[in-house]
Amino acid sequence: MIDLQRIPGRWRPSDVTVRDLPFPLLLAAAALVPALHVPGTQLGDLPTRPLDALAVAVVALECLPLAVRRRWPAGCLALVSLGFAVDQLLGYHTVAGIALPVALLSAGAHLERHRRAVAVVGSGAYVLLAVALDRLGSPEGLAGFVTFYLVLAIAWGAGAWLRLSRAAEAERRRHVAETTRTAERTRIARELHDVVTHHVTAMVVQAEAARYLTAAPERLDQTLAAVSDTGRRAVTDLRHLLDLLNPDHGTGPVTPSVGELHTLVEQTRRAGQPVEFTEEGSPRGTTGSAGVAAYRVVQEALTNALKYAYGSRTVVQVHYGSVGITVEVSTADSGSGAAPTGGSGRGLTGLRERVGLLGGEFSAERRPGGGFVVRARIPTGSPS
């Protein structure tokens, strides 16, 4: 038994010529089969001639080239036009004349090169056909020939409109794909920066401190253990991040939340940074993008404290309100007078974008008395 549901799926990948073939075959049958014969196009109103053996060749010349109307639109238009001219000059006036506007529509839609030349040559050929019909005694008159030409021009124009519409749609899709790709790259780069910068900075600081603890084996062992623990955390976070790039990964990437701030603060303390942590309100129910953004704000601020104000007092304050989360991280002046190594600014810029997308406010500035302060107000209305 034939599975009718599978026929469209098998038909779609076939050659475009095979898919375009049924219409010209049906049109030829309508023009030649007596039971299906209907009056066709009559340009010039010459006396109608009965169908004969030559009519079969004329109809074939008009109809069969439509099978390649998308693959070779210019060649199709030339053959169909020739067949149409012979059809009208000999007076067969078959329904196969419909092939000419179809060929014009296809040429207008699919012809890529020499479009103006094809239009000029086609117009010239039509003028010659009109002159020949007039000399054969056609009573059509100038108005009739001009009207038919306008009909053909409309068919060409409709094809050109379809071509422009397809091009505009393709450009729109390309733009959407490029925008989506850029946004995804930016998001992955931001997450990668947040993960790598924090952990690597902590490891560098801990390793630098270990150089001065050779005389204190116990403290040296604690510091090296902290470096190892930070490295394992970095590897775990990177695995979660790489899951974003794996299409076969069933579950979504693991993202941090405000509930993990205690772990983050403790890790920073183990790296040698004195941190005071205060929470007000309850973080229960604070999930989604707002929770992730609050965590990233604290993470970036503590990372900068380790890099540029190592050993200085750092205060982290997080307030959970009914409509949002307020975060403030301040670092005292290091007093070293050393200029910090230049950063890319990607971390603070990414935070400003992340918080801004949620409708919040973000600021990072130096304090008048020295030090640095980062503030963020993040609405909790969006769980996505």
Protein backbone atom coordinates (compact mmCIF):
# COMPACT_ATOMS: atom_id res chain seq x y z
CA MET A 1 0.00 0.00 0.00
CA ILE A 2 1.27 3.49 -0.84
CA ASP A 3 1.88 5.69 2.19
CA LEU A 4 0.35 9.00 1.09
CA GLN A 5 1.83 10.83 4.08
CA ARG A 6 5.36 10.11 2.88
CA ILE A 7 4.84 11.37 -0.67
CA PRO A 8 5.28 15.11 0.15
CA GLY A 9 8.47 14.37 2.08
CA ARG A 10 9.91 12.38 -0.84
CA TRP A 11 8.75 14.91 -3.43
CA ARG A 12 10.31 17.94 -1.70
CA PRO A 13 14.02 16.99 -2.08
CA SER A 14 13.60 15.97 -5.75
CA ASP A 15 15.05 18.01 -8.60
CA VAL A 16 13.32 21.34 -9.23
CA THR A 17 12.75 20.37 -12.86
CA VAL A 18 10.87 17.24 -11.82
CA ARG A 19 8.73 19.26 -9.43
CA ASP A 20 7.95 21.86 -12.13
CA LEU A 21 7.07 19.25 -14.77
CA PRO A 22 3.44 18.38 -13.84
CA PHE A 23 2.04 21.83 -14.62
CA PRO A 24 3.31 22.02 -18.24
CA LEU A 25 2.11 18.44 -18.85
CA LEU A 26 -1.38 19.30 -17.58
CA LEU A 27 -1.40 22.50 -19.63
CA ALA A 28 -0.39 20.60 -22.78
CA ALA A 29 -3.11 18.03 -22.14
CA ALA A 30 -5.70 20.77 -21.71
CA ALA A 31 -4.60 22.26 -25.05
CA LEU A 32 -4.58 19.00 -27.07
CA VAL A 33 -7.13 16.61 -25.58
CA PRO A 34 -10.45 17.27 -27.35
CA ALA A 35 -12.48 16.55 -24.21
CA LEU A 36 -10.52 19.21 -22.36
CA HIS A 37 -10.27 21.70 -25.21
CA VAL A 38 -11.30 25.22 -24.30
CA PRO A 39 -10.74 28.49 -26.20
CA GLY A 40 -7.31 29.92 -25.52
CA THR A 41 -5.50 33.19 -25.93
CA GLN A 42 -6.31 35.10 -29.14
CA LEU A 43 -3.92 37.93 -29.87
CA GLY A 44 -4.78 39.60 -33.16
CA ASP A 45 -8.15 37.87 -33.66
CA LEU A 46 -7.01 35.94 -36.72
CA PRO A 47 -9.28 33.10 -37.90
CA THR A 48 -8.94 30.01 -35.69
CA ARG A 49 -7.25 27.02 -37.35
CA PRO A 50 -8.20 23.43 -36.47
CA LEU A 51 -5.69 21.37 -34.50
CA ASP A 52 -3.39 19.18 -36.58
CA ALA A 53 -0.02 17.45 -36.24
CA LEU A 54 1.82 20.76 -36.32
CA ALA A 55 -0.31 21.98 -33.41
CA VAL A 56 1.17 19.22 -31.23
CA ALA A 57 4.68 20.55 -31.86
CA VAL A 58 3.57 24.14 -31.23
CA VAL A 59 1.88 23.22 -27.95
CA ALA A 60 4.93 21.22 -26.86
CA LEU A 61 7.15 24.22 -27.65
CA GLU A 62 4.89 26.46 -25.56
CA CYS A 63 4.35 24.19 -22.57
CA LEU A 64 7.27 21.82 -22.00
CA PRO A 65 9.92 24.55 -21.42
CA LEU A 66 7.98 25.51 -18.27
CA ALA A 67 9.59 22.50 -16.63
CA VAL A 68 12.85 24.48 -16.48
CA ARG A 69 11.25 27.84 -15.64
CA ARG A 70 13.18 28.05 -12.37
CA ARG A 71 16.40 26.37 -13.43
CA TRP A 72 16.85 28.26 -16.74
CA PRO A 73 14.31 31.11 -16.74
CA ALA A 74 15.79 32.98 -19.72
CA GLY A 75 15.86 29.91 -21.97
CA CYS A 76 12.37 28.95 -20.85
CA LEU A 77 11.04 32.42 -21.68
CA ALA A 78 12.67 32.40 -25.12
CA LEU A 79 11.21 29.00 -26.10
CA VAL A 80 7.75 29.73 -24.71
CA SER A 81 7.69 33.11 -26.48
CA LEU A 82 8.63 31.45 -29.77
CA GLY A 83 5.91 28.86 -29.35
CA PHE A 84 3.36 31.54 -28.44
CA ALA A 85 4.25 33.57 -31.54
CA VAL A 86 3.84 30.53 -33.83
CA ASP A 87 0.57 29.65 -32.09
CA GLN A 88 -0.87 33.13 -32.75
CA LEU A 89 0.51 33.49 -36.29
CA LEU A 90 -0.91 30.11 -37.38
CA GLY A 91 -4.20 30.76 -35.60
CA TYR A 92 -4.36 27.72 -33.31
CA HIS A 93 -5.27 29.91 -30.31
CA THR A 94 -4.82 27.08 -27.80
CA VAL A 95 -5.05 27.38 -24.04
CA ALA A 96 -1.30 26.76 -24.03
CA GLY A 97 -0.94 30.53 -24.48
CA ILE A 98 -1.21 30.76 -20.68
CA ALA A 99 2.40 29.55 -20.62
CA LEU A 100 3.68 32.98 -21.71
CA PRO A 101 2.62 34.97 -18.61
CA VAL A 102 3.75 32.03 -16.43
CA ALA A 103 7.18 32.10 -18.08
CA LEU A 104 7.34 35.88 -17.62
CA LEU A 105 6.42 35.54 -13.95
CA SER A 106 9.12 32.92 -13.41
CA ALA A 107 11.73 34.93 -15.30
CA GLY A 108 10.93 38.03 -13.25
CA ALA A 109 11.26 36.01 -10.04
CA HIS A 110 14.28 33.80 -10.79
CA LEU A 111 16.39 35.48 -13.46
CA GLU A 112 19.59 36.73 -11.80
CA ARG A 113 21.58 38.35 -14.62
CA HIS A 114 20.88 40.45 -17.73
CA ARG A 115 17.35 41.24 -16.59
CA ARG A 116 17.23 44.57 -18.43
CA ALA A 117 18.51 43.03 -21.66
CA VAL A 118 15.89 40.27 -21.47
CA ALA A 119 13.14 42.86 -20.93
CA VAL A 120 14.33 44.93 -23.91
CA VAL A 121 14.66 41.93 -26.24
CA GLY A 122 11.28 40.59 -25.16
CA SER A 123 9.61 43.95 -25.80
CA GLY A 124 11.21 44.15 -29.23
CA ALA A 125 10.05 40.65 -30.06
CA TYR A 126 6.50 41.55 -29.05
CA VAL A 127 6.55 44.58 -31.36
CA LEU A 128 7.66 42.36 -34.25
CA LEU A 129 4.84 39.88 -33.44
CA ALA A 130 2.26 42.70 -33.39
CA VAL A 131 3.50 44.00 -36.76
CA ALA A 132 3.37 40.51 -38.27
CA LEU A 133 -0.18 39.93 -37.01
CA ASP A 134 -1.26 43.30 -38.35
CA ARG A 135 0.11 42.48 -41.81
CA LEU A 136 -1.82 39.19 -41.75
CA GLY A 137 -5.02 41.21 -41.43
CA SER A 138 -5.48 41.37 -37.68
CA PRO A 139 -8.32 43.68 -36.60
CA GLU A 140 -6.85 44.00 -33.09
CA GLY A 141 -5.68 47.56 -33.41
CA LEU A 142 -3.08 49.46 -31.41
CA ALA A 143 -5.17 49.59 -28.23
CA GLY A 144 -5.56 45.81 -28.13
CA PHE A 145 -1.84 45.16 -28.63
CA VAL A 146 -0.89 47.72 -25.97
CA THR A 147 -3.39 46.24 -23.50
CA PHE A 148 -2.00 42.73 -23.95
CA TYR A 149 1.55 44.08 -23.56
CA LEU A 150 0.57 45.69 -20.26
CA VAL A 151 -0.82 42.34 -19.05
CA LEU A 152 2.52 40.70 -19.86
CA ALA A 153 4.37 43.56 -18.14
CA ILE A 154 2.27 43.00 -15.01
CA ALA A 155 3.28 39.32 -15.01
CA TRP A 156 6.97 40.30 -15.24
CA GLY A 157 6.50 42.93 -12.52
CA ALA A 158 4.81 40.42 -10.21
CA GLY A 159 7.78 38.10 -10.61
CA ALA A 160 10.20 40.94 -9.88
CA TRP A 161 8.21 41.80 -6.74
CA LEU A 162 8.41 38.19 -5.58
CA ARG A 163 12.16 38.24 -6.15
CA LEU A 164 12.60 41.43 -4.11
CA SER A 165 10.38 40.04 -1.35
CA ARG A 166 12.46 36.87 -1.14
CA ALA A 167 15.67 38.88 -1.05
CA ALA A 168 14.31 41.12 1.71
CA GLU A 169 13.18 38.09 3.73
CA ALA A 170 16.57 36.42 3.29
CA GLU A 171 18.32 39.59 4.44
CA ARG A 172 16.01 39.85 7.45
CA ARG A 173 16.71 36.26 8.43
CA ARG A 174 20.45 36.80 7.98
CA HIS A 175 20.28 39.89 10.16
CA VAL A 176 18.29 38.06 12.85
CA ALA A 177 20.74 35.14 12.76
CA GLU A 178 23.73 37.47 12.99
CA THR A 179 22.16 39.43 15.85
CA THR A 180 21.32 36.23 17.70
CA ARG A 181 24.81 34.85 17.12
CA THR A 182 26.42 38.07 18.36
CA ALA A 183 24.21 38.17 21.44
CA GLU A 184 25.02 34.53 22.22
CA ARG A 185 28.76 35.14 21.81
CA THR A 186 28.54 38.17 24.08
CA ARG A 187 26.67 36.19 26.71
CA ILE A 188 29.14 33.32 26.63
CA ALA A 189 32.10 35.73 26.73
CA ARG A 190 30.56 37.49 29.73
CA GLU A 191 29.98 34.22 31.59
CA LEU A 192 33.49 33.03 30.72
CA HIS A 193 34.96 36.28 32.00
CA ASP A 194 33.01 36.04 35.25
CA VAL A 195 34.12 32.47 35.90
CA VAL A 196 37.73 32.57 34.76
CA THR A 197 38.70 36.00 36.08
CA HIS A 198 37.47 35.39 39.61
CA HIS A 199 38.97 31.95 40.08
CA VAL A 200 42.27 32.70 38.34
CA THR A 201 42.71 35.95 40.28
CA ALA A 202 42.14 34.12 43.54
CA MET A 203 44.64 31.43 42.55
CA VAL A 204 47.28 34.00 41.55
CA VAL A 205 46.87 35.89 44.82
CA GLN A 206 47.06 32.69 46.86
CA ALA A 207 50.12 31.48 44.95
CA GLU A 208 51.87 34.83 45.48
CA ALA A 209 51.15 34.63 49.21
CA ALA A 210 52.50 31.08 49.37
CA ARG A 211 55.94 32.32 48.32
CA TYR A 212 56.29 34.09 51.66
CA LEU A 213 55.07 31.20 53.82
CA THR A 214 57.94 28.80 53.39
CA ALA A 215 58.88 29.34 57.03
CA ALA A 216 55.34 28.43 58.19
CA PRO A 217 54.58 24.94 56.85
CA GLU A 218 51.04 24.79 58.28
CA ARG A 219 49.96 28.08 56.73
CA LEU A 220 51.70 27.12 53.49
CA ASP A 221 49.76 23.86 53.39
CA GLN A 222 46.47 25.74 53.98
CA THR A 223 47.26 28.20 51.22
CA LEU A 224 48.15 25.48 48.72
CA ALA A 225 44.98 23.61 49.66
CA ALA A 226 43.03 26.80 48.97
CA VAL A 227 44.70 27.09 45.53
CA SER A 228 43.76 23.50 44.76
CA ASP A 229 40.17 24.02 45.88
CA THR A 230 39.86 27.19 43.79
CA GLY A 231 41.21 25.35 40.75
CA ARG A 232 38.66 22.58 41.15
CA ARG A 233 35.88 25.12 41.43
CA ALA A 234 37.12 26.80 38.25
CA VAL A 235 37.12 23.49 36.36
CA THR A 236 33.60 22.68 37.56
CA ASP A 237 32.26 26.10 36.57
CA LEU A 238 33.94 25.86 33.17
CA ARG A 239 32.31 22.47 32.58
CA HIS A 240 28.93 23.96 33.31
CA LEU A 241 29.68 26.85 30.96
CA LEU A 242 30.80 24.55 28.15
CA ASP A 243 27.47 22.75 28.43
CA LEU A 244 26.03 25.87 26.78
CA LEU A 245 27.90 24.93 23.61
CA ASN A 246 26.88 21.26 23.64
CA PRO A 247 23.61 20.72 21.72
CA ASP A 248 23.30 17.17 23.15
CA HIS A 249 23.34 18.39 26.72
CA GLY A 250 19.88 17.66 28.06
CA THR A 251 19.64 20.08 30.96
CA GLY A 252 20.34 23.76 31.09
CA PRO A 253 23.61 25.17 32.41
CA VAL A 254 24.03 25.45 36.16
CA THR A 255 23.97 29.12 37.13
CA PRO A 256 24.89 30.60 40.50
CA SER A 257 22.38 32.32 42.75
CA VAL A 258 22.37 34.61 45.76
CA GLY A 259 22.17 31.54 47.98
CA GLU A 260 25.82 30.82 47.12
CA LEU A 261 27.15 34.21 48.23
CA HIS A 262 28.40 32.78 51.53
CA THR A 263 30.57 30.29 49.62
CA LEU A 264 31.87 33.08 47.36
CA VAL A 265 32.75 35.31 50.31
CA GLU A 266 34.43 32.47 52.15
CA GLN A 267 36.52 31.63 49.08
CA THR A 268 37.65 35.26 48.86
CA ARG A 269 38.57 35.25 52.54
CA ARG A 270 40.67 32.12 52.05
CA ALA A 271 42.49 34.00 49.30
CA GLY A 272 43.59 36.51 51.96
CA GLN A 273 41.04 39.29 51.48
CA PRO A 274 39.30 40.56 54.67
CA VAL A 275 35.59 40.62 53.78
CA GLU A 276 32.64 41.66 55.93
CA PHE A 277 29.38 40.21 54.68
CA THR A 278 25.92 41.44 55.68
CA GLU A 279 22.55 40.20 54.44
CA GLU A 280 19.20 41.83 55.13
CA GLY A 281 15.92 40.16 54.34
CA SER A 282 15.36 36.67 53.03
CA PRO A 283 16.77 35.39 49.72
CA ARG A 284 14.05 32.73 49.45
CA GLY A 285 12.19 33.05 46.18
CA THR A 286 14.93 35.24 44.70
CA THR A 287 15.75 33.12 41.66
CA GLY A 288 16.29 33.50 37.95
CA SER A 289 18.13 36.36 36.31
CA ALA A 290 17.93 38.70 39.31
CA GLY A 291 19.66 36.19 41.59
CA VAL A 292 22.35 35.44 38.99
CA ALA A 293 22.95 39.15 38.40
CA ALA A 294 23.32 39.86 42.13
CA TYR A 295 25.81 37.00 42.45
CA ARG A 296 27.84 38.26 39.47
CA VAL A 297 27.94 41.80 40.86
CA VAL A 298 29.41 40.57 44.15
CA GLN A 299 31.78 38.21 42.31
CA GLU A 300 33.16 40.91 40.03
CA ALA A 301 33.53 43.40 42.88
CA LEU A 302 35.43 40.87 45.03
CA THR A 303 37.62 39.95 42.05
CA ASN A 304 38.57 43.60 41.55
CA ALA A 305 39.26 43.92 45.28
CA LEU A 306 41.69 40.99 45.09
CA LYS A 307 43.39 42.43 42.00
CA TYR A 308 43.63 46.10 42.92
CA ALA A 309 43.21 46.33 46.71
CA TYR A 310 44.55 43.08 48.08
CA GLY A 311 44.44 43.00 51.87
CA SER A 312 42.19 46.06 52.17
CA ARG A 313 38.94 45.90 54.12
CA THR A 314 36.02 44.99 51.85
CA VAL A 315 32.37 45.27 52.85
CA VAL A 316 29.57 43.39 51.07
CA GLN A 317 25.98 44.39 51.80
CA VAL A 318 23.02 42.63 50.21
CA HIS A 319 19.42 43.64 50.88
CA TYR A 320 16.49 41.52 49.71
CA GLY A 321 13.40 43.67 49.28
CA SER A 322 9.88 42.93 48.12
CA VAL A 323 10.54 44.25 44.60
CA GLY A 324 14.27 43.77 44.12
CA ILE A 325 17.77 43.14 45.40
CA THR A 326 20.16 45.92 46.40
CA VAL A 327 23.89 45.16 46.40
CA GLU A 328 26.74 47.37 47.61
CA VAL A 329 30.39 46.32 47.72
CA SER A 330 32.93 48.83 49.00
CA THR A 331 36.69 48.49 49.26
CA ALA A 332 38.93 50.69 51.39
CA ASP A 333 41.92 52.43 49.88
CA SER A 334 44.83 50.02 49.62
CA GLY A 335 47.27 52.77 50.56
CA SER A 336 49.96 51.17 48.43
CA GLY A 337 50.00 53.97 45.90
CA ALA A 338 50.63 51.45 43.17
CA ALA A 339 48.58 51.79 40.07
CA PRO A 340 46.49 48.74 39.35
CA THR A 341 47.23 46.74 36.25
CA GLY A 342 44.96 47.77 33.41
CA GLY A 343 41.87 45.64 32.91
CA SER A 344 39.73 45.23 29.86
CA GLY A 345 36.68 46.72 31.54
CA ARG A 346 34.65 43.81 30.17
CA GLY A 347 33.52 42.76 33.65
CA LEU A 348 31.94 46.06 34.70
CA THR A 349 30.57 46.66 31.21
CA GLY A 350 28.98 43.22 31.18
CA LEU A 351 27.45 43.82 34.61
CA ARG A 352 26.01 47.14 33.51
CA GLU A 353 24.43 45.46 30.48
CA ARG A 354 23.14 42.52 32.52
CA VAL A 355 21.55 44.72 35.19
CA GLY A 356 20.22 47.15 32.57
CA LEU A 357 18.46 44.34 30.69
CA LEU A 358 16.57 43.53 33.89
CA GLY A 359 15.50 47.16 34.31
CA GLY A 360 17.90 47.82 37.17
CA GLU A 361 20.58 50.37 37.96
CA PHE A 362 24.34 49.83 38.23
CA SER A 363 27.23 52.10 39.18
CA ALA A 364 30.92 51.65 39.90
CA GLU A 365 32.97 54.62 41.11
CA ARG A 366 35.78 55.76 43.36
CA ARG A 367 34.88 57.04 46.81
CA PRO A 368 35.92 60.58 47.81
CA GLY A 369 37.97 59.31 50.76
CA GLY A 370 39.68 56.62 48.74
CA GLY A 371 38.69 53.14 47.72
CA PHE A 372 36.01 51.93 45.38
CA VAL A 373 32.30 51.19 45.62
CA VAL A 374 29.99 49.13 43.39
CA ARG A 375 26.21 49.51 43.70
CA ALA A 376 23.38 47.69 41.96
CA ARG A 377 19.60 47.66 42.27
CA ILE A 378 18.05 44.67 40.53
CA PRO A 379 14.28 44.15 40.15
CA THR A 380 13.07 40.61 40.83
CA GLY A 381 10.10 40.68 38.48
CA SER A 382 11.70 38.56 35.70
CA PRO A 383 12.45 34.91 36.50
CA SER A 384 13.90 34.13 33.10
